[in-house]
Protein backbone atom coordinates (compact mmCIF):
# COMPACT_ATOMS: atom_id res chain seq x y z
CA UNK A 1 22.61 -42.44 27.84
CA UNK A 2 23.35 -43.73 24.35
CA UNK A 3 19.80 -45.15 23.99
CA UNK A 4 17.92 -42.03 25.16
CA UNK A 5 15.82 -40.27 22.58
CA UNK A 6 14.55 -36.71 22.58
CA UNK A 7 15.41 -33.20 21.54
CA UNK A 8 18.39 -31.25 22.71
CA UNK A 9 18.01 -27.83 24.24
CA UNK A 10 19.60 -26.28 21.13
CA UNK A 11 17.05 -27.93 18.84
CA UNK A 12 14.14 -26.70 20.95
CA UNK A 13 15.54 -23.13 21.01
CA UNK A 14 15.98 -23.13 17.22
CA UNK A 15 12.34 -24.19 16.74
CA UNK A 16 11.11 -21.49 19.17
CA UNK A 17 13.13 -18.80 17.35
CA UNK A 18 11.76 -19.90 13.95
CA UNK A 19 8.17 -19.83 15.26
CA UNK A 20 8.78 -16.37 16.72
CA UNK A 21 10.15 -15.01 13.42
CA UNK A 22 7.20 -16.41 11.47
CA UNK A 23 4.76 -14.87 13.98
CA UNK A 24 6.47 -11.44 13.77
CA UNK A 25 6.39 -11.59 9.97
CA UNK A 26 2.69 -12.44 9.97
CA UNK A 27 1.83 -9.60 12.36
CA UNK A 28 3.82 -7.06 10.36
CA UNK A 29 2.28 -8.18 7.08
CA UNK A 30 -1.28 -8.07 8.37
CA UNK A 31 -0.76 -4.75 10.14
CA UNK A 32 0.77 -2.92 7.19
CA UNK A 33 -1.55 -4.30 4.49
CA UNK A 34 -4.46 -2.25 5.78
CA UNK A 35 -2.61 1.06 5.52
CA UNK A 36 -1.30 2.75 2.44
CA UNK A 37 1.78 4.62 3.58
CA UNK A 38 2.42 6.36 0.23
CA UNK A 39 -1.17 7.59 0.08
CA UNK A 40 -1.03 8.87 3.66
CA UNK A 41 2.36 10.52 3.15
CA UNK A 42 1.26 12.34 0.00
CA UNK A 43 -2.03 13.38 1.63
CA UNK A 44 -0.30 14.79 4.70
CA UNK A 45 2.31 16.53 2.55
CA UNK A 46 -0.30 18.21 0.34
CA UNK A 47 -2.41 19.27 3.32
CA UNK A 48 0.69 20.67 5.06
CA UNK A 49 1.85 22.58 1.99
CA UNK A 50 -1.62 24.07 1.47
CA UNK A 51 -1.62 25.29 5.09
CA UNK A 52 1.91 26.67 4.62
CA UNK A 53 0.89 28.55 1.46
CA UNK A 54 -2.14 30.05 3.22
CA UNK A 55 0.14 31.43 5.91
CA UNK A 56 2.63 32.71 3.32
CA UNK A 57 -0.17 34.43 1.41
CA UNK A 58 -1.29 36.26 4.53
CA UNK A 59 2.21 37.18 5.70
CA UNK A 60 3.41 38.40 2.31
CA UNK A 61 0.00 39.82 1.26
CA UNK A 62 0.36 37.92 -1.97
CA UNK A 63 -2.09 35.80 -3.96
CA UNK A 64 -1.22 32.14 -4.51
CA UNK A 65 -2.93 29.40 -6.43
CA UNK A 66 -2.86 25.62 -6.66
CA UNK A 67 -2.73 23.96 -10.06
CA UNK A 68 -3.60 20.25 -10.10
CA UNK A 69 -3.01 17.87 -12.98
CA UNK A 70 -3.97 14.18 -12.48
CA UNK A 71 -0.63 12.89 -11.16
CA UNK A 72 1.04 16.14 -10.10
CA UNK A 73 0.45 19.54 -8.57
CA UNK A 74 2.21 22.86 -8.14
CA UNK A 75 1.68 26.23 -6.54
CA UNK A 76 1.64 29.45 -8.52
CA UNK A 77 2.03 33.07 -7.43
CA UNK A 78 0.26 36.02 -9.02
CA UNK A 79 2.60 38.67 -10.45
CA UNK A 80 0.62 41.95 -10.28
CA UNK A 81 3.14 43.87 -12.42
CA UNK A 82 2.75 41.50 -15.36
CA UNK A 83 -0.84 40.51 -14.54
CA UNK A 84 -0.28 36.74 -14.79
CA UNK A 85 0.43 33.63 -12.77
CA UNK A 86 3.94 32.23 -12.55
CA UNK A 87 5.66 29.24 -10.97
CA UNK A 88 7.24 29.89 -7.58
CA UNK A 89 10.97 29.35 -8.12
CA UNK A 90 12.20 31.04 -4.95
CA UNK A 91 10.55 28.55 -2.55
CA UNK A 92 11.42 24.87 -3.03
CA UNK A 93 8.43 23.78 -0.91
CA UNK A 94 6.07 25.10 -3.59
CA UNK A 95 7.78 23.36 -6.51
CA UNK A 96 6.07 21.03 -8.96
CA UNK A 97 5.47 17.68 -7.23
CA UNK A 98 4.82 14.42 -9.02
CA UNK A 99 2.90 11.68 -7.21
CA UNK A 100 4.11 8.06 -6.99
CA UNK A 101 2.90 5.69 -9.73
CA UNK A 102 -0.70 4.59 -9.22
CA UNK A 103 -1.61 7.62 -7.06
CA UNK A 104 -3.77 10.28 -8.65
CA UNK A 105 -5.74 13.37 -7.69
CA UNK A 106 -9.31 14.40 -8.37
CA UNK A 107 -10.41 17.98 -7.79
CA UNK A 108 -13.80 19.50 -7.09
CA UNK A 109 -13.96 23.30 -6.99
CA UNK A 110 -17.12 25.04 -5.80
CA UNK A 111 -19.09 21.80 -6.17
CA UNK A 112 -17.97 20.97 -9.72
CA UNK A 113 -15.42 18.37 -10.76
CA UNK A 114 -12.49 19.87 -12.67
CA UNK A 115 -11.06 18.21 -15.77
CA UNK A 116 -7.38 17.80 -14.90
CA UNK A 117 -5.10 18.12 -17.88
CA UNK A 118 -1.69 19.66 -18.46
CA UNK A 119 -1.63 23.12 -20.08
CA UNK A 120 -1.06 23.25 -23.82
CA UNK A 121 2.10 24.80 -25.23
CA UNK A 122 1.80 28.57 -24.98
CA UNK A 123 -1.26 28.58 -22.67
CA UNK A 124 -0.83 30.70 -19.57
CA UNK A 125 -0.67 28.86 -16.24
CA UNK A 126 -3.91 29.29 -14.33
CA UNK A 127 -4.61 27.80 -10.89
CA UNK A 128 -7.86 26.00 -10.10
CA UNK A 129 -7.76 26.80 -6.36
CA UNK A 130 -7.04 30.32 -5.10
CA UNK A 131 -5.36 31.05 -1.77
CA UNK A 132 -6.00 34.74 -1.15
CA UNK A 133 -3.86 37.13 0.89
CA UNK A 134 -6.75 37.75 3.30
CA UNK A 135 -6.80 34.04 4.27
CA UNK A 136 -9.77 33.02 2.14
CA UNK A 137 -9.59 29.88 0.00
CA UNK A 138 -11.67 28.80 -2.96
CA UNK A 139 -14.02 26.03 -1.75
CA UNK A 140 -12.43 22.77 -2.88
CA UNK A 141 -12.12 19.03 -2.33
CA UNK A 142 -9.05 17.09 -3.39
CA UNK A 143 -9.39 13.32 -3.46
CA UNK A 144 -6.12 11.37 -3.38
CA UNK A 145 -6.63 7.82 -4.55
CA UNK A 146 -4.50 4.82 -5.39
CA UNK A 147 -5.35 2.28 -8.07
CA UNK A 148 -7.00 -0.69 -6.39
CA UNK A 149 -7.36 0.96 -2.97
CA UNK A 150 -10.73 0.77 -1.25
CA UNK A 151 -10.75 4.20 0.37
CA UNK A 152 -9.21 7.48 -0.83
CA UNK A 153 -7.88 10.33 1.29
CA UNK A 154 -9.73 13.66 1.17
CA UNK A 155 -8.50 17.22 1.69
CA UNK A 156 -11.27 19.81 1.78
CA UNK A 157 -11.81 23.42 2.71
CA UNK A 158 -14.68 24.15 5.07
CA UNK A 159 -17.10 27.03 5.39
CA UNK A 160 -15.25 28.16 8.51
CA UNK A 161 -12.00 28.48 6.53
CA UNK A 162 -10.15 25.44 7.85
CA UNK A 163 -8.54 22.71 5.77
CA UNK A 164 -9.62 19.19 6.79
CA UNK A 165 -7.73 15.99 6.04
CA UNK A 166 -9.53 12.65 6.12
CA UNK A 167 -7.28 9.60 5.76
CA UNK A 168 -8.59 6.13 4.86
CA UNK A 169 -10.16 4.60 7.97
CA UNK A 170 -9.86 7.83 9.98
CA UNK A 171 -12.16 10.55 11.13
CA UNK A 172 -11.78 14.14 9.90
CA UNK A 173 -8.59 15.79 11.20
CA UNK A 174 -8.31 19.56 11.55
């Protein structure tokens, strides 16, 4: 017995466990590198909030608007008594949202790209996309892109009045 050579059962099990851990790590790394979770999360959030605001506009018979600035966006409500747009303080869902670093928005309204810049001091807030109380929406396309990513996400209104979300590598979702 003293001269026998070979591996013990414990040594073989340790090697099998190490190989298994390396294989799991490789699968997780390859699987997650093709998806951009932050981009998908922000795209789904924006699409969901736009749908929510459309419903709120119809229920409350109130005009809302979406203001987009490169790395952030917010929803505005029209105040008919004062005749101007204001931020929506009473609903936390519609607050100003800042995107993660490296994620930015591009906006096309009625077929024309909009120059996204913050308002100057003293300028009134004006939305680029209108969400009317009758359910209509200004025709728009919002592209959500990440620096270095191959494909962006796209949120767009359609002629039939729906809002479509297209995630990288996916088909159009309604």
